[in-house]
């Protein structure tokens, strides 16, 4: 039996985070903010990732 590793595309993770944030924001009257720090961002345009970035959602 071989070991299989599941790989998740960073763009999918970012899309999921933004989608979840939009759902939370739609439920609250305030504008909640979440800061993700020390993340690697793939923008879908460039081949290289932006490393050790901060993303404010």
PDB file of N, CA and C in Angstrom:
ATOM      1  N   UNK A   1       0.848  -1.166   0.000  1.00  0.00           N
ATOM      2  CA  UNK A   1       0.000   0.000   0.000  1.00  0.00           C
ATOM      3  C   UNK A   1       0.899   1.235   0.000  1.00  0.00           C
ATOM      4  N   UNK A   2       0.572   2.231  -0.825  1.00  0.00           N
ATOM      5  CA  UNK A   2       1.390   3.434  -0.917  1.00  0.00           C
ATOM      6  C   UNK A   2       0.752   4.557  -0.132  1.00  0.00           C
ATOM      7  N   UNK A   3       1.599   5.462   0.332  1.00  0.00           N
ATOM      8  CA  UNK A   3       1.103   6.654   1.028  1.00  0.00           C
ATOM      9  C   UNK A   3       0.743   7.711   0.002  1.00  0.00           C
ATOM     10  N   UNK A   4      -0.436   8.266   0.124  1.00  0.00           N
ATOM     11  CA  UNK A   4      -0.862   9.320  -0.795  1.00  0.00           C
ATOM     12  C   UNK A   4      -1.006  10.615  -0.013  1.00  0.00           C
ATOM     13  N   UNK A   5      -0.440  11.670  -0.537  1.00  0.00           N
ATOM     14  CA  UNK A   5      -0.538  12.976   0.097  1.00  0.00           C
ATOM     15  C   UNK A   5      -1.546  13.811  -0.664  1.00  0.00           C
ATOM     16  N   UNK A   6      -2.414  14.475   0.062  1.00  0.00           N
ATOM     17  CA  UNK A   6      -3.384  15.334  -0.584  1.00  0.00           C
ATOM     18  C   UNK A   6      -2.805  16.741  -0.653  1.00  0.00           C
ATOM     19  N   UNK A   7      -2.811  17.305  -1.834  1.00  0.00           N
ATOM     20  CA  UNK A   7      -2.291  18.639  -2.046  1.00  0.00           C
ATOM     21  C   UNK A   7      -3.452  19.588  -2.298  1.00  0.00           C
ATOM     22  N   UNK A   8      -3.447  20.721  -1.607  1.00  0.00           N
ATOM     23  CA  UNK A   8      -4.507  21.714  -1.766  1.00  0.00           C
ATOM     24  C   UNK A   8      -3.910  22.946  -2.410  1.00  0.00           C
ATOM     25  N   UNK A   9      -4.533  23.391  -3.469  1.00  0.00           N
ATOM     26  CA  UNK A   9      -4.081  24.581  -4.182  1.00  0.00           C
ATOM     27  C   UNK A   9      -4.288  25.810  -3.289  1.00  0.00           C
ATOM     28  N   UNK A  10      -3.258  26.653  -3.105  1.00  0.00           N
ATOM     29  CA  UNK A  10      -3.409  27.845  -2.266  1.00  0.00           C
ATOM     30  C   UNK A  10      -4.541  28.759  -2.721  1.00  0.00           C
ATOM     31  N   UNK A  11      -4.785  28.828  -4.018  1.00  0.00           N
ATOM     32  CA  UNK A  11      -5.858  29.688  -4.510  1.00  0.00           C
ATOM     33  C   UNK A  11      -7.208  29.198  -4.006  1.00  0.00           C
ATOM     34  N   UNK A  12      -7.370  27.893  -3.875  1.00  0.00           N
ATOM     35  CA  UNK A  12      -8.612  27.335  -3.355  1.00  0.00           C
ATOM     36  C   UNK A  12      -8.777  27.714  -1.892  1.00  0.00           C
ATOM     37  N   UNK A  13      -7.693  27.666  -1.144  1.00  0.00           N
ATOM     38  CA  UNK A  13      -7.750  28.039   0.271  1.00  0.00           C
ATOM     39  C   UNK A  13      -8.128  29.504   0.412  1.00  0.00           C
ATOM     40  N   UNK A  14      -7.511  30.368  -0.363  1.00  0.00           N
ATOM     41  CA  UNK A  14      -7.823  31.795  -0.305  1.00  0.00           C
ATOM     42  C   UNK A  14      -9.270  32.039  -0.691  1.00  0.00           C
ATOM     43  N   UNK A  15      -9.751  31.365  -1.739  1.00  0.00           N
ATOM     44  CA  UNK A  15     -11.144  31.518  -2.158  1.00  0.00           C
ATOM     45  C   UNK A  15     -12.085  31.064  -1.054  1.00  0.00           C
ATOM     46  N   UNK A  16     -11.751  29.983  -0.380  1.00  0.00           N
ATOM     47  CA  UNK A  16     -12.594  29.494   0.709  1.00  0.00           C
ATOM     48  C   UNK A  16     -12.621  30.480   1.865  1.00  0.00           C
ATOM     49  N   UNK A  17     -11.474  31.063   2.186  1.00  0.00           N
ATOM     50  CA  UNK A  17     -11.408  32.047   3.271  1.00  0.00           C
ATOM     51  C   UNK A  17     -12.254  33.264   2.931  1.00  0.00           C
ATOM     52  N   UNK A  18     -12.124  33.780   1.711  1.00  0.00           N
ATOM     53  CA  UNK A  18     -12.909  34.936   1.317  1.00  0.00           C
ATOM     54  C   UNK A  18     -14.397  34.604   1.287  1.00  0.00           C
ATOM     55  N   UNK A  19     -14.759  33.431   0.817  1.00  0.00           N
ATOM     56  CA  UNK A  19     -16.162  33.025   0.785  1.00  0.00           C
ATOM     57  C   UNK A  19     -16.745  32.919   2.176  1.00  0.00           C
ATOM     58  N   UNK A  20     -16.013  32.344   3.117  1.00  0.00           N
ATOM     59  CA  UNK A  20     -16.472  32.224   4.494  1.00  0.00           C
ATOM     60  C   UNK A  20     -16.602  33.590   5.127  1.00  0.00           C
ATOM     61  N   UNK A  21     -15.642  34.463   4.874  1.00  0.00           N
ATOM     62  CA  UNK A  21     -15.682  35.806   5.433  1.00  0.00           C
ATOM     63  C   UNK A  21     -16.899  36.578   4.928  1.00  0.00           C
ATOM     64  N   UNK A  22     -17.216  36.449   3.657  1.00  0.00           N
ATOM     65  CA  UNK A  22     -18.371  37.139   3.086  1.00  0.00           C
ATOM     66  C   UNK A  22     -19.657  36.649   3.740  1.00  0.00           C
ATOM     67  N   UNK A  23     -19.745  35.357   4.030  1.00  0.00           N
ATOM     68  CA  UNK A  23     -20.935  34.814   4.676  1.00  0.00           C
ATOM     69  C   UNK A  23     -21.074  35.352   6.097  1.00  0.00           C
ATOM     70  N   UNK A  24     -19.968  35.446   6.809  1.00  0.00           N
ATOM     71  CA  UNK A  24     -19.997  35.980   8.171  1.00  0.00           C
ATOM     72  C   UNK A  24     -20.356  37.455   8.140  1.00  0.00           C
ATOM     73  N   UNK A  25     -19.785  38.194   7.222  1.00  0.00           N
ATOM     74  CA  UNK A  25     -20.037  39.626   7.147  1.00  0.00           C
ATOM     75  C   UNK A  25     -21.492  39.904   6.801  1.00  0.00           C
ATOM     76  N   UNK A  26     -22.109  39.072   5.991  1.00  0.00           N
ATOM     77  CA  UNK A  26     -23.503  39.279   5.621  1.00  0.00           C
ATOM     78  C   UNK A  26     -24.416  39.102   6.827  1.00  0.00           C
ATOM     79  N   UNK A  27     -24.015  38.322   7.820  1.00  0.00           N
ATOM     80  CA  UNK A  27     -24.842  38.068   8.979  1.00  0.00           C
ATOM     81  C   UNK A  27     -24.697  39.141  10.046  1.00  0.00           C
ATOM     82  N   UNK A  28     -23.575  39.805  10.135  1.00  0.00           N
ATOM     83  CA  UNK A  28     -23.316  40.806  11.168  1.00  0.00           C
ATOM     84  C   UNK A  28     -23.536  42.210  10.625  1.00  0.00           C
ATOM     85  N   UNK A  29     -23.969  43.115  11.511  1.00  0.00           N
ATOM     86  CA  UNK A  29     -24.133  44.503  11.100  1.00  0.00           C
ATOM     87  C   UNK A  29     -22.792  45.229  11.076  1.00  0.00           C
ATOM     88  N   UNK A  30     -21.869  44.814  11.929  1.00  0.00           N
ATOM     89  CA  UNK A  30     -20.538  45.412  11.944  1.00  0.00           C
ATOM     90  C   UNK A  30     -19.714  44.846  10.802  1.00  0.00           C
ATOM     91  N   UNK A  31     -18.571  45.461  10.553  1.00  0.00           N
ATOM     92  CA  UNK A  31     -17.642  44.949   9.559  1.00  0.00           C
ATOM     93  C   UNK A  31     -16.490  44.246  10.284  1.00  0.00           C
ATOM     94  N   UNK A  32     -16.634  42.953  10.550  1.00  0.00           N
ATOM     95  CA  UNK A  32     -15.551  42.235  11.240  1.00  0.00           C
ATOM     96  C   UNK A  32     -14.335  42.103  10.328  1.00  0.00           C
ATOM     97  N   UNK A  33     -13.176  42.124  10.928  1.00  0.00           N
ATOM     98  CA  UNK A  33     -11.947  41.980  10.162  1.00  0.00           C
ATOM     99  C   UNK A  33     -11.094  40.886  10.788  1.00  0.00           C
ATOM    100  N   UNK A  34     -10.450  40.110   9.926  1.00  0.00           N
ATOM    101  CA  UNK A  34      -9.531  39.070  10.366  1.00  0.00           C
ATOM    102  C   UNK A  34      -8.222  39.263   9.623  1.00  0.00           C
ATOM    103  N   UNK A  35      -7.124  39.239  10.358  1.00  0.00           N
ATOM    104  CA  UNK A  35      -5.806  39.379   9.757  1.00  0.00           C
ATOM    105  C   UNK A  35      -5.101  38.033   9.798  1.00  0.00           C
ATOM    106  N   UNK A  36      -4.773  37.515   8.613  1.00  0.00           N
ATOM    107  CA  UNK A  36      -3.974  36.295   8.486  1.00  0.00           C
ATOM    108  C   UNK A  36      -2.544  36.739   8.243  1.00  0.00           C
ATOM    109  N   UNK A  37      -1.623  36.298   9.081  1.00  0.00           N
ATOM    110  CA  UNK A  37      -0.228  36.713   8.956  1.00  0.00           C
ATOM    111  C   UNK A  37       0.648  35.526   8.587  1.00  0.00           C
ATOM    112  N   UNK A  38       1.797  35.870   7.995  1.00  0.00           N
ATOM    113  CA  UNK A  38       2.801  34.873   7.633  1.00  0.00           C
ATOM    114  C   UNK A  38       2.216  33.801   6.709  1.00  0.00           C
ATOM    115  N   UNK A  39       1.508  34.228   5.670  1.00  0.00           N
ATOM    116  CA  UNK A  39       0.889  33.301   4.720  1.00  0.00           C
ATOM    117  C   UNK A  39       1.563  33.435   3.362  1.00  0.00           C
ATOM    118  N   UNK A  40       1.418  32.413   2.540  1.00  0.00           N
ATOM    119  CA  UNK A  40       1.904  32.434   1.172  1.00  0.00           C
ATOM    120  C   UNK A  40       0.700  32.633   0.261  1.00  0.00           C
ATOM    121  N   UNK A  41       0.768  33.621  -0.617  1.00  0.00           N
ATOM    122  CA  UNK A  41      -0.366  33.982  -1.457  1.00  0.00           C
ATOM    123  C   UNK A  41      -0.050  33.685  -2.917  1.00  0.00           C
ATOM    124  N   UNK A  42      -0.953  32.984  -3.576  1.00  0.00           N
ATOM    125  CA  UNK A  42      -0.869  32.766  -5.016  1.00  0.00           C
ATOM    126  C   UNK A  42      -1.959  33.610  -5.646  1.00  0.00           C
ATOM    127  N   UNK A  43      -1.588  34.560  -6.499  1.00  0.00           N
ATOM    128  CA  UNK A  43      -2.583  35.488  -7.039  1.00  0.00           C
ATOM    129  C   UNK A  43      -3.262  35.000  -8.311  1.00  0.00           C
ATOM    130  N   UNK A  44      -2.841  33.867  -8.832  1.00  0.00           N
ATOM    131  CA  UNK A  44      -3.489  33.321 -10.019  1.00  0.00           C
ATOM    132  C   UNK A  44      -2.981  33.904 -11.319  1.00  0.00           C
ATOM    133  N   UNK A  45      -2.103  34.894 -11.252  1.00  0.00           N
ATOM    134  CA  UNK A  45      -1.576  35.538 -12.450  1.00  0.00           C
ATOM    135  C   UNK A  45      -0.085  35.247 -12.600  1.00  0.00           C
ATOM    136  N   UNK A  46       0.656  35.469 -11.546  1.00  0.00           N
ATOM    137  CA  UNK A  46       2.102  35.261 -11.568  1.00  0.00           C
ATOM    138  C   UNK A  46       2.438  33.834 -11.169  1.00  0.00           C
ATOM    139  N   UNK A  47       3.561  33.347 -11.644  1.00  0.00           N
ATOM    140  CA  UNK A  47       3.972  31.982 -11.316  1.00  0.00           C
ATOM    141  C   UNK A  47       4.498  31.874  -9.889  1.00  0.00           C
ATOM    142  N   UNK A  48       5.060  32.939  -9.364  1.00  0.00           N
ATOM    143  CA  UNK A  48       5.629  32.877  -8.026  1.00  0.00           C
ATOM    144  C   UNK A  48       4.600  33.309  -6.984  1.00  0.00           C
ATOM    145  N   UNK A  49       4.749  32.722  -5.798  1.00  0.00           N
ATOM    146  CA  UNK A  49       3.889  33.087  -4.681  1.00  0.00           C
ATOM    147  C   UNK A  49       4.459  34.302  -3.969  1.00  0.00           C
ATOM    148  N   UNK A  50       3.595  35.030  -3.311  1.00  0.00           N
ATOM    149  CA  UNK A  50       4.022  36.097  -2.406  1.00  0.00           C
ATOM    150  C   UNK A  50       4.183  35.416  -1.054  1.00  0.00           C
ATOM    151  N   UNK A  51       5.397  35.388  -0.543  1.00  0.00           N
ATOM    152  CA  UNK A  51       5.668  34.643   0.683  1.00  0.00           C
ATOM    153  C   UNK A  51       5.678  35.567   1.897  1.00  0.00           C
ATOM    154  N   UNK A  52       5.288  34.992   3.034  1.00  0.00           N
ATOM    155  CA  UNK A  52       5.265  35.693   4.328  1.00  0.00           C
ATOM    156  C   UNK A  52       4.463  36.986   4.274  1.00  0.00           C
ATOM    157  N   UNK A  53       3.304  36.920   3.650  1.00  0.00           N
ATOM    158  CA  UNK A  53       2.435  38.093   3.502  1.00  0.00           C
ATOM    159  C   UNK A  53       1.400  38.133   4.629  1.00  0.00           C
ATOM    160  N   UNK A  54       0.737  39.262   4.738  1.00  0.00           N
ATOM    161  CA  UNK A  54      -0.408  39.414   5.636  1.00  0.00           C
ATOM    162  C   UNK A  54      -1.618  39.716   4.770  1.00  0.00           C
ATOM    163  N   UNK A  55      -2.749  39.085   5.096  1.00  0.00           N
ATOM    164  CA  UNK A  55      -3.972  39.273   4.332  1.00  0.00           C
ATOM    165  C   UNK A  55      -5.064  39.710   5.300  1.00  0.00           C
ATOM    166  N   UNK A  56      -5.628  40.886   5.071  1.00  0.00           N
ATOM    167  CA  UNK A  56      -6.714  41.405   5.896  1.00  0.00           C
ATOM    168  C   UNK A  56      -8.025  41.115   5.183  1.00  0.00           C
ATOM    169  N   UNK A  57      -8.902  40.408   5.874  1.00  0.00           N
ATOM    170  CA  UNK A  57     -10.198  40.037   5.296  1.00  0.00           C
ATOM    171  C   UNK A  57     -11.282  40.741   6.076  1.00  0.00           C
TER     172      UNK A  57
END
